[in-house]
């Protein structure tokens, strides 16, 4: 066997090796790109009725930006109960590049996104129909809900996302951290005392970071964070940093969370195109 033959065989083997590894990489990326999104939607009266349509619209746009085959479930933040979703759906898959299939795909995707937005809007109307009823914002309790939700899901198939549509103002008399009110009509809330209470009373037996990494977004739904009866926004963030430190997150982890009014950048490109 001459040197040229040996070289040709070596090139063929090298080529096949690259094809094989490339296919494995592509399959791995394709397998892991799907998202399983848990949306926690604040439907309490602190979210102004004029803003709930904007919340519904943002949820609609966020769903459109998810990869094909992703899953979404939405639960209300209301009265410390997270038993029944207000929305559950799976994004369609594009069967081929034929225009007919593209039109069907876009139609299904847009209908699903519209259903999500409507579910949030109409559930808000239902929750706030009786103005004499007070609804609590027990957001801390949603962390345990998220842990129990994701712990049995397939992390090899999906990337998990925990998404809040909320003002992130804990107003709850019965959370795992005790009674915490970030806003109050009776007295000015004190950041140090709230953090001390969380440090003492909130000791959950779970590591949320091990399930969903840093894929957490707080999409702020109202400007109430600047209200004079509430803690300042920077103080509220310190409180949430302490809360998330109890479920596995460091200060640098928390700094990477989306804590703003707009959608996170990673949800800015629509998959419907």
Protein backbone atom coordinates (compact mmCIF):
# COMPACT_ATOMS: atom_id res chain seq x y z
CA UNK A 1 0.00 0.00 0.00
CA UNK A 2 1.59 3.25 -1.11
CA UNK A 3 1.66 6.49 0.82
CA UNK A 4 -0.97 8.09 -1.37
CA UNK A 5 -3.47 5.31 -0.65
CA UNK A 6 -2.79 5.54 3.06
CA UNK A 7 -3.28 9.30 2.94
CA UNK A 8 -6.58 8.98 1.05
CA UNK A 9 -7.89 6.48 3.58
CA UNK A 10 -6.84 8.75 6.41
CA UNK A 11 -8.67 11.69 4.81
CA UNK A 12 -11.84 9.59 4.32
CA UNK A 13 -11.76 8.39 7.94
CA UNK A 14 -11.18 11.94 9.17
CA UNK A 15 -14.07 13.20 7.06
CA UNK A 16 -16.43 10.52 8.39
CA UNK A 17 -15.35 11.31 11.93
CA UNK A 18 -16.18 15.00 11.49
CA UNK A 19 -19.56 14.16 9.93
CA UNK A 20 -20.34 11.83 12.83
CA UNK A 21 -19.38 14.29 15.54
CA UNK A 22 -21.17 17.11 13.75
CA UNK A 23 -24.38 15.07 13.61
CA UNK A 24 -24.09 14.21 17.28
CA UNK A 25 -23.58 17.87 18.17
CA UNK A 26 -26.49 19.00 16.03
CA UNK A 27 -28.74 16.33 17.52
CA UNK A 28 -27.70 17.33 21.01
CA UNK A 29 -28.40 21.00 20.31
CA UNK A 30 -31.73 20.19 18.69
CA UNK A 31 -32.65 18.00 21.63
CA UNK A 32 -31.78 20.56 24.28
CA UNK A 33 -33.10 23.74 22.67
CA UNK A 34 -36.74 23.24 23.72
CA UNK A 35 -37.93 25.26 26.68
CA UNK A 36 -40.33 24.29 29.45
CA UNK A 37 -41.60 27.62 30.78
CA UNK A 38 -43.46 28.06 34.04
CA UNK A 39 -45.19 31.43 34.15
CA UNK A 40 -46.29 32.80 37.51
CA UNK A 41 -48.85 35.54 36.83
CA UNK A 42 -49.72 38.11 39.49
CA UNK A 43 -53.48 38.60 39.28
CA UNK A 44 -53.92 40.53 42.51
CA UNK A 45 -55.31 44.04 42.68
CA UNK A 46 -51.84 45.61 43.00
CA UNK A 47 -51.54 45.02 39.26
CA UNK A 48 -53.57 47.87 37.85
CA UNK A 49 -56.50 46.87 35.64
CA UNK A 50 -55.16 49.17 32.92
CA UNK A 51 -51.89 47.21 32.87
CA UNK A 52 -53.25 43.67 32.75
CA UNK A 53 -53.69 43.90 28.97
CA UNK A 54 -50.00 44.77 28.70
CA UNK A 55 -49.17 41.72 30.84
CA UNK A 56 -51.28 39.55 28.56
CA UNK A 57 -49.58 41.06 25.49
CA UNK A 58 -46.08 40.43 26.91
CA UNK A 59 -46.99 36.81 27.68
CA UNK A 60 -48.32 36.47 24.12
CA UNK A 61 -45.06 37.82 22.65
CA UNK A 62 -42.92 35.68 24.93
CA UNK A 63 -44.66 32.51 23.80
CA UNK A 64 -44.06 33.45 20.16
CA UNK A 65 -40.34 33.70 20.90
CA UNK A 66 -40.02 30.16 22.29
CA UNK A 67 -38.48 27.37 20.18
CA UNK A 68 -40.69 24.90 18.38
CA UNK A 69 -41.99 22.09 20.59
CA UNK A 70 -41.55 24.08 23.80
CA UNK A 71 -44.12 23.82 26.60
CA UNK A 72 -45.77 26.55 28.66
CA UNK A 73 -47.86 26.45 31.80
CA UNK A 74 -49.19 29.53 33.58
CA UNK A 75 -50.34 29.68 37.20
CA UNK A 76 -51.86 32.58 39.16
CA UNK A 77 -50.10 34.25 42.07
CA UNK A 78 -53.12 34.63 44.27
CA UNK A 79 -53.96 33.64 47.85
CA UNK A 80 -51.05 31.22 48.20
CA UNK A 81 -52.68 28.57 46.00
CA UNK A 82 -50.99 27.07 42.96
CA UNK A 83 -53.12 24.05 42.19
CA UNK A 84 -54.62 24.54 38.76
CA UNK A 85 -52.99 26.19 35.75
CA UNK A 86 -54.83 28.94 33.94
CA UNK A 87 -53.05 27.85 30.76
CA UNK A 88 -51.18 24.81 29.50
CA UNK A 89 -49.92 24.33 25.97
CA UNK A 90 -47.24 22.88 23.71
CA UNK A 91 -45.87 24.81 20.76
CA UNK A 92 -46.30 23.17 17.35
CA UNK A 93 -43.51 21.79 15.20
CA UNK A 94 -42.92 22.94 11.63
CA UNK A 95 -43.24 19.79 9.51
CA UNK A 96 -41.37 21.10 6.46
CA UNK A 97 -40.38 24.28 4.62
CA UNK A 98 -43.41 24.06 2.34
CA UNK A 99 -45.41 27.29 2.39
CA UNK A 100 -48.54 25.31 3.29
CA UNK A 101 -46.90 23.89 6.40
CA UNK A 102 -45.43 27.29 7.32
CA UNK A 103 -48.88 28.89 7.18
CA UNK A 104 -50.36 26.12 9.33
CA UNK A 105 -47.50 26.43 11.82
CA UNK A 106 -47.91 30.21 12.14
CA UNK A 107 -51.67 29.84 12.52
CA UNK A 108 -51.36 27.30 15.33
CA UNK A 109 -48.63 29.30 17.06
CA UNK A 110 -50.54 32.59 16.93
CA UNK A 111 -53.72 30.92 18.17
CA UNK A 112 -51.83 29.39 21.11
CA UNK A 113 -50.25 32.74 22.01
CA UNK A 114 -53.63 34.46 21.81
CA UNK A 115 -55.16 31.81 24.09
CA UNK A 116 -52.41 32.44 26.66
CA UNK A 117 -52.98 36.20 26.64
CA UNK A 118 -56.75 35.75 26.93
CA UNK A 119 -56.38 33.25 29.78
CA UNK A 120 -54.38 35.77 31.82
CA UNK A 121 -56.70 38.67 31.06
CA UNK A 122 -59.96 36.85 31.82
CA UNK A 123 -58.60 35.15 34.94
CA UNK A 124 -57.57 38.58 36.27
CA UNK A 125 -61.08 39.87 35.63
CA UNK A 126 -62.54 36.86 37.42
CA UNK A 127 -60.23 37.19 40.44
CA UNK A 128 -60.93 40.91 40.86
CA UNK A 129 -64.66 40.82 40.11
CA UNK A 130 -65.51 41.10 43.79
CA UNK A 131 -63.64 44.18 45.00
CA UNK A 132 -64.55 43.45 48.63
CA UNK A 133 -62.36 40.35 48.56
CA UNK A 134 -58.68 40.81 49.35
CA UNK A 135 -56.23 38.67 47.41
CA UNK A 136 -52.76 38.08 48.78
CA UNK A 137 -49.51 38.24 46.80
CA UNK A 138 -47.73 35.19 48.24
CA UNK A 139 -44.83 35.15 45.81
CA UNK A 140 -42.34 33.38 48.10
CA UNK A 141 -44.58 30.31 48.09
CA UNK A 142 -44.27 30.12 44.31
CA UNK A 143 -40.63 29.02 44.67
CA UNK A 144 -41.71 25.74 46.22
CA UNK A 145 -44.33 25.44 43.50
CA UNK A 146 -41.61 25.89 40.87
CA UNK A 147 -39.35 23.31 42.50
CA UNK A 148 -42.11 20.72 42.70
CA UNK A 149 -43.16 21.55 39.15
CA UNK A 150 -39.73 21.06 37.59
CA UNK A 151 -38.21 18.31 39.73
CA UNK A 152 -39.78 15.47 37.75
CA UNK A 153 -39.47 17.07 34.32
CA UNK A 154 -36.87 15.88 31.79
CA UNK A 155 -33.93 18.26 32.04
CA UNK A 156 -32.17 16.51 29.12
CA UNK A 157 -35.00 17.47 26.76
CA UNK A 158 -35.90 20.95 27.98
CA UNK A 159 -34.26 24.06 29.35
CA UNK A 160 -36.37 25.21 32.27
CA UNK A 161 -37.48 28.83 32.61
CA UNK A 162 -39.23 30.41 35.60
CA UNK A 163 -40.99 33.59 34.52
CA UNK A 164 -42.83 36.04 36.74
CA UNK A 165 -45.32 38.61 35.53
CA UNK A 166 -45.61 40.49 38.79
CA UNK A 167 -44.72 43.64 40.70
CA UNK A 168 -42.71 41.25 42.96
CA UNK A 169 -44.26 42.87 46.04
CA UNK A 170 -44.76 40.21 48.69
CA UNK A 171 -47.97 40.98 50.60
CA UNK A 172 -48.63 37.73 52.42
CA UNK A 173 -49.63 36.85 55.97
CA UNK A 174 -48.94 33.14 55.64
CA UNK A 175 -45.83 32.37 53.59
CA UNK A 176 -43.02 30.00 54.54
CA UNK A 177 -41.15 33.09 55.76
CA UNK A 178 -44.05 34.20 57.92
CA UNK A 179 -45.98 37.43 57.50
CA UNK A 180 -44.18 39.74 55.07
CA UNK A 181 -45.53 43.00 53.70
CA UNK A 182 -43.25 44.99 51.40
CA UNK A 183 -45.91 47.73 51.28
CA UNK A 184 -48.00 48.90 54.23
CA UNK A 185 -50.63 51.55 55.00
CA UNK A 186 -50.01 51.27 58.75
CA UNK A 187 -46.26 51.78 59.05
CA UNK A 188 -43.20 52.22 56.88
CA UNK A 189 -41.77 48.78 56.05
CA UNK A 190 -38.24 48.15 57.29
CA UNK A 191 -35.83 46.32 55.01
CA UNK A 192 -33.49 45.16 57.78
CA UNK A 193 -36.28 43.63 59.87
CA UNK A 194 -37.75 41.82 56.87
CA UNK A 195 -34.35 40.38 55.90
CA UNK A 196 -33.76 39.32 59.51
CA UNK A 197 -37.12 37.57 59.54
CA UNK A 198 -36.36 35.77 56.29
CA UNK A 199 -32.96 34.74 57.63
CA UNK A 200 -34.57 33.29 60.75
CA UNK A 201 -37.79 31.76 59.46
CA UNK A 202 -37.32 30.88 55.79
CA UNK A 203 -35.36 27.63 55.60
CA UNK A 204 -36.71 25.67 52.63
CA UNK A 205 -35.39 22.18 52.03
CA UNK A 206 -34.78 22.55 48.30
CA UNK A 207 -32.17 23.73 45.81
CA UNK A 208 -33.98 25.49 42.99
CA UNK A 209 -30.73 26.42 41.23
CA UNK A 210 -29.96 22.74 40.67
CA UNK A 211 -33.09 22.51 38.51
CA UNK A 212 -33.36 25.75 36.56
CA UNK A 213 -29.91 27.34 36.80
CA UNK A 214 -30.16 31.14 36.34
CA UNK A 215 -33.11 31.04 33.94
CA UNK A 216 -35.33 33.29 36.04
CA UNK A 217 -37.10 36.43 34.88
CA UNK A 218 -39.09 38.89 36.96
CA UNK A 219 -41.00 40.96 34.42
CA UNK A 220 -42.21 43.91 36.47
CA UNK A 221 -45.84 44.69 35.72
CA UNK A 222 -46.42 47.98 37.53
CA UNK A 223 -44.67 51.09 38.78
CA UNK A 224 -45.86 50.56 42.36
CA UNK A 225 -42.27 49.72 43.37
CA UNK A 226 -41.73 53.45 43.79
CA UNK A 227 -44.80 54.01 45.99
CA UNK A 228 -44.09 55.91 49.22
CA UNK A 229 -45.81 53.20 51.26
CA UNK A 230 -43.46 50.56 49.88
CA UNK A 231 -39.79 49.82 50.19
CA UNK A 232 -37.62 51.33 47.49
CA UNK A 233 -36.99 49.14 44.45
CA UNK A 234 -33.34 48.60 45.40
CA UNK A 235 -34.43 47.49 48.90
CA UNK A 236 -36.98 45.12 47.42
CA UNK A 237 -34.24 43.58 45.28
CA UNK A 238 -32.12 43.04 48.39
CA UNK A 239 -34.99 41.18 49.99
CA UNK A 240 -35.45 38.97 46.93
CA UNK A 241 -31.73 38.35 46.80
CA UNK A 242 -31.91 37.06 50.38
CA UNK A 243 -34.93 34.89 49.51
CA UNK A 244 -33.22 33.36 46.48
CA UNK A 245 -30.04 32.77 48.47
CA UNK A 246 -32.12 30.35 50.55
CA UNK A 247 -32.82 28.18 47.48
CA UNK A 248 -29.28 27.94 46.14
CA UNK A 249 -28.48 31.26 44.44
CA UNK A 250 -25.47 33.48 45.11
CA UNK A 251 -25.33 37.27 44.82
CA UNK A 252 -23.68 37.01 41.39
CA UNK A 253 -26.40 34.58 40.25
CA UNK A 254 -29.11 37.00 41.29
CA UNK A 255 -27.40 39.81 39.38
CA UNK A 256 -28.05 37.87 36.16
CA UNK A 257 -31.81 37.59 36.74
CA UNK A 258 -34.03 39.75 34.57
CA UNK A 259 -35.67 42.22 36.98
CA UNK A 260 -37.17 44.82 34.65
CA UNK A 261 -40.38 45.77 32.86
CA UNK A 262 -39.51 44.58 29.36
CA UNK A 263 -39.05 41.03 28.10
CA UNK A 264 -35.62 39.42 28.53
CA UNK A 265 -33.36 39.64 25.47
CA UNK A 266 -33.41 35.86 25.05
CA UNK A 267 -37.15 36.10 24.34
CA UNK A 268 -36.91 38.92 21.82
CA UNK A 269 -36.73 36.92 18.59
CA UNK A 270 -39.96 35.36 17.40
CA UNK A 271 -39.94 31.75 16.26
CA UNK A 272 -43.05 32.36 14.23
CA UNK A 273 -41.03 33.92 11.41
